[in-house]
Amino acid sequence: GLPFVAGRKLKGLLRDAFNRLEIWARVPEGSTVTLFGAWGFKRQGEIESAERGCLRVADAQLPERVRTWLLTLEEQKRWQYLEALAREFQSTAIDGTTQVAQSKTLRSIELLVPMTLLARIEPYPADLHRPSLPAEWRKLLRGALPLVRGVGAHETRGLGRAVFTECDE
């Protein structure tokens, strides 16, 4: 019941941002696949991937001390705090001519208030099936963080705004 962003989603967002750096020739060619693996694709119902990446991306979660504190609260109190972390947002389509709400277009979504979520990004243990990790992988990744546009619903409209930064453990 606590807010989080799946590591798989984060890895995809980072891969997309890093891929743009590669297209713009800001990182060495092939870096995206080396760090994040090849894009998966479906063939006859099975997902195939030509190469694995070197980096593992964990789920982004509230800081450990906050999660621990919330989980020690009695259930009713915990839900009061969790409800305070979200806001209901409604939108509807407006007819351009009459300026009246269009029928059956009311949508409602839950938005989280601004908060810090932390995710660990680390190399997988070396093995024969993964490419070699570049020594400067942290520096390369740091350059891609500002290019992540957002997470969640309506991210292209600004409701999923996010700021990705590196922090020490």
C-alpha atoms as a PDB file:
ATOM      1  CA  GLY A   1       0.000   0.000   0.000  1.00  0.00           C
ATOM      2  CA  LEU A   2       3.008   2.357  -0.054  1.00  0.00           C
ATOM      3  CA  PRO A   3       3.892   4.514  -3.092  1.00  0.00           C
ATOM      4  CA  PHE A   4       6.504   3.045  -5.454  1.00  0.00           C
ATOM      5  CA  VAL A   5       7.567   3.005  -9.091  1.00  0.00           C
ATOM      6  CA  ALA A   6       8.469  -0.387 -10.526  1.00  0.00           C
ATOM      7  CA  GLY A   7      12.133  -0.893 -11.368  1.00  0.00           C
ATOM      8  CA  ARG A   8      11.141  -2.217 -14.781  1.00  0.00           C
ATOM      9  CA  LYS A   9       9.399   1.101 -15.557  1.00  0.00           C
ATOM     10  CA  LEU A  10      12.392   3.104 -14.309  1.00  0.00           C
ATOM     11  CA  LYS A  11      14.789   1.027 -16.380  1.00  0.00           C
ATOM     12  CA  GLY A  12      12.681   1.700 -19.481  1.00  0.00           C
ATOM     13  CA  LEU A  13      12.634   5.444 -18.782  1.00  0.00           C
ATOM     14  CA  LEU A  14      16.391   5.483 -18.256  1.00  0.00           C
ATOM     15  CA  ARG A  15      16.959   3.398 -21.393  1.00  0.00           C
ATOM     16  CA  ASP A  16      14.878   5.864 -23.406  1.00  0.00           C
ATOM     17  CA  ALA A  17      16.799   8.868 -22.033  1.00  0.00           C
ATOM     18  CA  PHE A  18      20.143   7.156 -22.583  1.00  0.00           C
ATOM     19  CA  ASN A  19      19.155   6.170 -26.108  1.00  0.00           C
ATOM     20  CA  ARG A  20      18.576   9.853 -26.923  1.00  0.00           C
ATOM     21  CA  LEU A  21      22.083  10.647 -25.676  1.00  0.00           C
ATOM     22  CA  GLU A  22      23.423   7.946 -27.959  1.00  0.00           C
ATOM     23  CA  ILE A  23      21.475   9.263 -30.965  1.00  0.00           C
ATOM     24  CA  TRP A  24      22.894  12.731 -30.260  1.00  0.00           C
ATOM     25  CA  ALA A  25      26.420  11.220 -30.098  1.00  0.00           C
ATOM     26  CA  ARG A  26      26.868  12.283 -26.438  1.00  0.00           C
ATOM     27  CA  VAL A  27      27.787   8.765 -25.303  1.00  0.00           C
ATOM     28  CA  PRO A  28      29.695   6.002 -27.092  1.00  0.00           C
ATOM     29  CA  GLU A  29      27.742   4.042 -29.695  1.00  0.00           C
ATOM     30  CA  GLY A  30      26.261   0.855 -28.268  1.00  0.00           C
ATOM     31  CA  SER A  31      26.198   2.190 -24.688  1.00  0.00           C
ATOM     32  CA  THR A  32      22.424   1.884 -24.384  1.00  0.00           C
ATOM     33  CA  VAL A  33      22.448  -1.841 -25.127  1.00  0.00           C
ATOM     34  CA  THR A  34      25.538  -2.380 -22.967  1.00  0.00           C
ATOM     35  CA  LEU A  35      23.959  -0.789 -19.892  1.00  0.00           C
ATOM     36  CA  PHE A  36      20.272  -1.621 -20.349  1.00  0.00           C
ATOM     37  CA  GLY A  37      20.122  -4.501 -22.813  1.00  0.00           C
ATOM     38  CA  ALA A  38      18.432  -4.735 -26.180  1.00  0.00           C
ATOM     39  CA  TRP A  39      14.803  -3.744 -26.564  1.00  0.00           C
ATOM     40  CA  GLY A  40      12.642  -6.792 -26.029  1.00  0.00           C
ATOM     41  CA  PHE A  41      10.261  -7.832 -28.777  1.00  0.00           C
ATOM     42  CA  LYS A  42       7.584 -10.464 -29.137  1.00  0.00           C
ATOM     43  CA  ARG A  43       7.799 -13.307 -31.580  1.00  0.00           C
ATOM     44  CA  GLN A  44       5.003 -15.863 -31.604  1.00  0.00           C
ATOM     45  CA  GLY A  45       3.886 -14.839 -28.107  1.00  0.00           C
ATOM     46  CA  GLU A  46       7.322 -15.129 -26.469  1.00  0.00           C
ATOM     47  CA  ILE A  47       9.484 -12.173 -25.465  1.00  0.00           C
ATOM     48  CA  GLU A  48      12.973 -12.321 -26.909  1.00  0.00           C
ATOM     49  CA  SER A  49      15.919 -10.073 -26.197  1.00  0.00           C
ATOM     50  CA  ALA A  50      19.148 -10.200 -28.161  1.00  0.00           C
ATOM     51  CA  GLU A  51      21.381  -8.998 -25.319  1.00  0.00           C
ATOM     52  CA  ARG A  52      21.205  -8.455 -21.576  1.00  0.00           C
ATOM     53  CA  GLY A  53      22.272  -5.209 -20.000  1.00  0.00           C
ATOM     54  CA  CYS A  54      24.791  -4.672 -17.199  1.00  0.00           C
ATOM     55  CA  LEU A  55      22.590  -2.624 -14.870  1.00  0.00           C
ATOM     56  CA  ARG A  56      19.914  -3.687 -12.433  1.00  0.00           C
ATOM     57  CA  VAL A  57      17.272  -1.092 -11.454  1.00  0.00           C
ATOM     58  CA  ALA A  58      15.309  -1.680  -8.257  1.00  0.00           C
ATOM     59  CA  ASP A  59      11.845  -0.327  -7.463  1.00  0.00           C
ATOM     60  CA  ALA A  60      11.776   3.321  -6.367  1.00  0.00           C
ATOM     61  CA  GLN A  61      10.327   3.486  -2.854  1.00  0.00           C
ATOM     62  CA  LEU A  62       9.975   5.879   0.028  1.00  0.00           C
ATOM     63  CA  PRO A  63      13.181   6.114   2.084  1.00  0.00           C
ATOM     64  CA  GLU A  64      13.659   3.119   4.389  1.00  0.00           C
ATOM     65  CA  ARG A  65      13.154   5.094   7.612  1.00  0.00           C
ATOM     66  CA  VAL A  66       9.828   6.513   6.325  1.00  0.00           C
ATOM     67  CA  ARG A  67       8.600   3.085   5.178  1.00  0.00           C
ATOM     68  CA  THR A  68       9.568   1.536   8.513  1.00  0.00           C
ATOM     69  CA  TRP A  69       7.834   4.306  10.453  1.00  0.00           C
ATOM     70  CA  LEU A  70       4.636   4.010   8.395  1.00  0.00           C
ATOM     71  CA  LEU A  71       4.567   0.254   8.785  1.00  0.00           C
ATOM     72  CA  THR A  72       4.891   0.512  12.590  1.00  0.00           C
ATOM     73  CA  LEU A  73       1.751   2.647  12.864  1.00  0.00           C
ATOM     74  CA  GLU A  74      -1.585   1.091  13.670  1.00  0.00           C
ATOM     75  CA  GLU A  75      -3.508   0.439  10.469  1.00  0.00           C
ATOM     76  CA  GLN A  76      -6.051   3.263  10.807  1.00  0.00           C
ATOM     77  CA  LYS A  77      -3.336   5.861  11.472  1.00  0.00           C
ATOM     78  CA  ARG A  78      -1.210   4.524   8.594  1.00  0.00           C
ATOM     79  CA  TRP A  79      -4.121   4.911   6.167  1.00  0.00           C
ATOM     80  CA  GLN A  80      -4.677   8.502   7.308  1.00  0.00           C
ATOM     81  CA  TYR A  81      -1.069   9.318   6.388  1.00  0.00           C
ATOM     82  CA  LEU A  82      -1.250   7.417   3.104  1.00  0.00           C
ATOM     83  CA  GLU A  83      -4.475   9.185   2.119  1.00  0.00           C
ATOM     84  CA  ALA A  84      -2.703  12.510   2.697  1.00  0.00           C
ATOM     85  CA  LEU A  85      -0.108  11.524   0.070  1.00  0.00           C
ATOM     86  CA  ALA A  86      -2.664  11.448  -2.758  1.00  0.00           C
ATOM     87  CA  ARG A  87      -5.078  13.859  -4.382  1.00  0.00           C
ATOM     88  CA  GLU A  88      -8.035  13.172  -6.656  1.00  0.00           C
ATOM     89  CA  PHE A  89      -7.859  14.892 -10.062  1.00  0.00           C
ATOM     90  CA  GLN A  90     -10.784  15.125 -12.488  1.00  0.00           C
ATOM     91  CA  SER A  91     -10.836  16.263 -16.081  1.00  0.00           C
ATOM     92  CA  THR A  92     -13.382  16.323 -18.878  1.00  0.00           C
ATOM     93  CA  ALA A  93     -13.421  17.182 -22.573  1.00  0.00           C
ATOM     94  CA  ILE A  94     -14.973  20.511 -23.496  1.00  0.00           C
ATOM     95  CA  ASP A  95     -16.795  21.033 -26.791  1.00  0.00           C
ATOM     96  CA  GLY A  96     -14.849  23.722 -28.669  1.00  0.00           C
ATOM     97  CA  THR A  97     -17.966  25.298 -30.165  1.00  0.00           C
ATOM     98  CA  THR A  98     -20.398  25.294 -27.248  1.00  0.00           C
ATOM     99  CA  GLN A  99     -17.817  25.374 -24.424  1.00  0.00           C
ATOM    100  CA  VAL A 100     -19.891  22.701 -22.655  1.00  0.00           C
ATOM    101  CA  ALA A 101     -18.563  19.468 -21.185  1.00  0.00           C
ATOM    102  CA  GLN A 102     -18.891  16.568 -23.618  1.00  0.00           C
ATOM    103  CA  SER A 103     -21.020  13.641 -22.513  1.00  0.00           C
ATOM    104  CA  LYS A 104     -19.270  10.651 -20.870  1.00  0.00           C
ATOM    105  CA  THR A 105     -15.800  12.260 -20.842  1.00  0.00           C
ATOM    106  CA  LEU A 106     -15.322  12.843 -17.105  1.00  0.00           C
ATOM    107  CA  ARG A 107     -12.156  11.072 -15.951  1.00  0.00           C
ATOM    108  CA  SER A 108     -10.769  10.819 -12.457  1.00  0.00           C
ATOM    109  CA  ILE A 109      -7.236   9.783 -11.481  1.00  0.00           C
ATOM    110  CA  GLU A 110      -5.259   9.738  -8.259  1.00  0.00           C
ATOM    111  CA  LEU A 111      -2.126  11.883  -8.123  1.00  0.00           C
ATOM    112  CA  LEU A 112       0.613  11.656  -5.523  1.00  0.00           C
ATOM    113  CA  VAL A 113       1.809  14.792  -3.800  1.00  0.00           C
ATOM    114  CA  PRO A 114       5.492  15.616  -4.412  1.00  0.00           C
ATOM    115  CA  MET A 115       7.707  13.157  -2.565  1.00  0.00           C
ATOM    116  CA  THR A 116      11.113  11.548  -2.746  1.00  0.00           C
ATOM    117  CA  LEU A 117      11.393   7.948  -3.872  1.00  0.00           C
ATOM    118  CA  LEU A 118      14.735   6.155  -3.945  1.00  0.00           C
ATOM    119  CA  ALA A 119      15.859   3.382  -6.308  1.00  0.00           C
ATOM    120  CA  ARG A 120      19.136   1.509  -6.293  1.00  0.00           C
ATOM    121  CA  ILE A 121      20.912   1.145  -9.639  1.00  0.00           C
ATOM    122  CA  GLU A 122      23.806  -1.278  -9.597  1.00  0.00           C
ATOM    123  CA  PRO A 123      25.696  -3.607 -11.900  1.00  0.00           C
ATOM    124  CA  TYR A 124      24.675  -7.220 -12.185  1.00  0.00           C
ATOM    125  CA  PRO A 125      27.409  -9.629 -11.136  1.00  0.00           C
ATOM    126  CA  ALA A 126      29.709 -10.258 -14.105  1.00  0.00           C
ATOM    127  CA  ASP A 127      28.939 -13.341 -16.161  1.00  0.00           C
ATOM    128  CA  LEU A 128      29.534 -14.667 -19.655  1.00  0.00           C
ATOM    129  CA  HIS A 129      26.103 -13.584 -20.903  1.00  0.00           C
ATOM    130  CA  ARG A 130      26.519  -9.886 -20.154  1.00  0.00           C
ATOM    131  CA  PRO A 131      28.748  -7.303 -21.822  1.00  0.00           C
ATOM    132  CA  SER A 132      31.586  -5.692 -19.858  1.00  0.00           C
ATOM    133  CA  LEU A 133      30.508  -2.754 -17.723  1.00  0.00           C
ATOM    134  CA  PRO A 134      32.184   0.504 -18.784  1.00  0.00           C
ATOM    135  CA  ALA A 135      34.297   2.000 -15.981  1.00  0.00           C
ATOM    136  CA  GLU A 136      32.558   5.373 -16.391  1.00  0.00           C
ATOM    137  CA  TRP A 137      29.007   3.974 -16.228  1.00  0.00           C
ATOM    138  CA  ARG A 138      27.997   6.245 -13.327  1.00  0.00           C
ATOM    139  CA  LYS A 139      29.135   9.359 -15.173  1.00  0.00           C
ATOM    140  CA  LEU A 140      27.330   8.244 -18.341  1.00  0.00           C
ATOM    141  CA  LEU A 141      24.147   7.513 -16.412  1.00  0.00           C
ATOM    142  CA  ARG A 142      24.319  10.853 -14.589  1.00  0.00           C
ATOM    143  CA  GLY A 143      24.129  12.597 -17.979  1.00  0.00           C
ATOM    144  CA  ALA A 144      20.886  10.799 -18.838  1.00  0.00           C
ATOM    145  CA  LEU A 145      19.025  11.527 -15.583  1.00  0.00           C
ATOM    146  CA  PRO A 146      17.858  15.054 -16.561  1.00  0.00           C
ATOM    147  CA  LEU A 147      16.394  13.656 -19.795  1.00  0.00           C
ATOM    148  CA  VAL A 148      13.812  11.481 -18.042  1.00  0.00           C
ATOM    149  CA  ARG A 149      10.565  13.281 -18.731  1.00  0.00           C
ATOM    150  CA  GLY A 150       8.215  11.839 -16.167  1.00  0.00           C
ATOM    151  CA  VAL A 151       6.514   8.792 -14.724  1.00  0.00           C
ATOM    152  CA  GLY A 152       2.938   7.684 -14.341  1.00  0.00           C
ATOM    153  CA  ALA A 153      -0.293   8.671 -16.024  1.00  0.00           C
ATOM    154  CA  HIS A 154      -0.486  11.791 -18.174  1.00  0.00           C
ATOM    155  CA  GLU A 155       3.302  12.234 -18.006  1.00  0.00           C
ATOM    156  CA  THR A 156       3.304  14.071 -21.352  1.00  0.00           C
ATOM    157  CA  ARG A 157       0.856  16.631 -19.932  1.00  0.00           C
ATOM    158  CA  GLY A 158       3.020  17.397 -16.926  1.00  0.00           C
ATOM    159  CA  LEU A 159       1.140  15.468 -14.263  1.00  0.00           C
ATOM    160  CA  GLY A 160       3.853  12.828 -13.984  1.00  0.00           C
ATOM    161  CA  ARG A 161       6.661  15.327 -13.510  1.00  0.00           C
ATOM    162  CA  ALA A 162       9.727  13.911 -11.916  1.00  0.00           C
ATOM    163  CA  VAL A 163      13.269  14.992 -11.194  1.00  0.00           C
ATOM    164  CA  PHE A 164      15.826  12.217 -11.379  1.00  0.00           C
ATOM    165  CA  THR A 165      19.074  12.822  -9.514  1.00  0.00           C
ATOM    166  CA  GLU A 166      21.937  10.751  -8.191  1.00  0.00           C
ATOM    167  CA  CYS A 167      22.455  10.515  -4.456  1.00  0.00           C
ATOM    168  CA  ASP A 168      24.983   8.791  -2.255  1.00  0.00           C
ATOM    169  CA  GLU A 169      23.976   5.729  -0.309  1.00  0.00           C
END
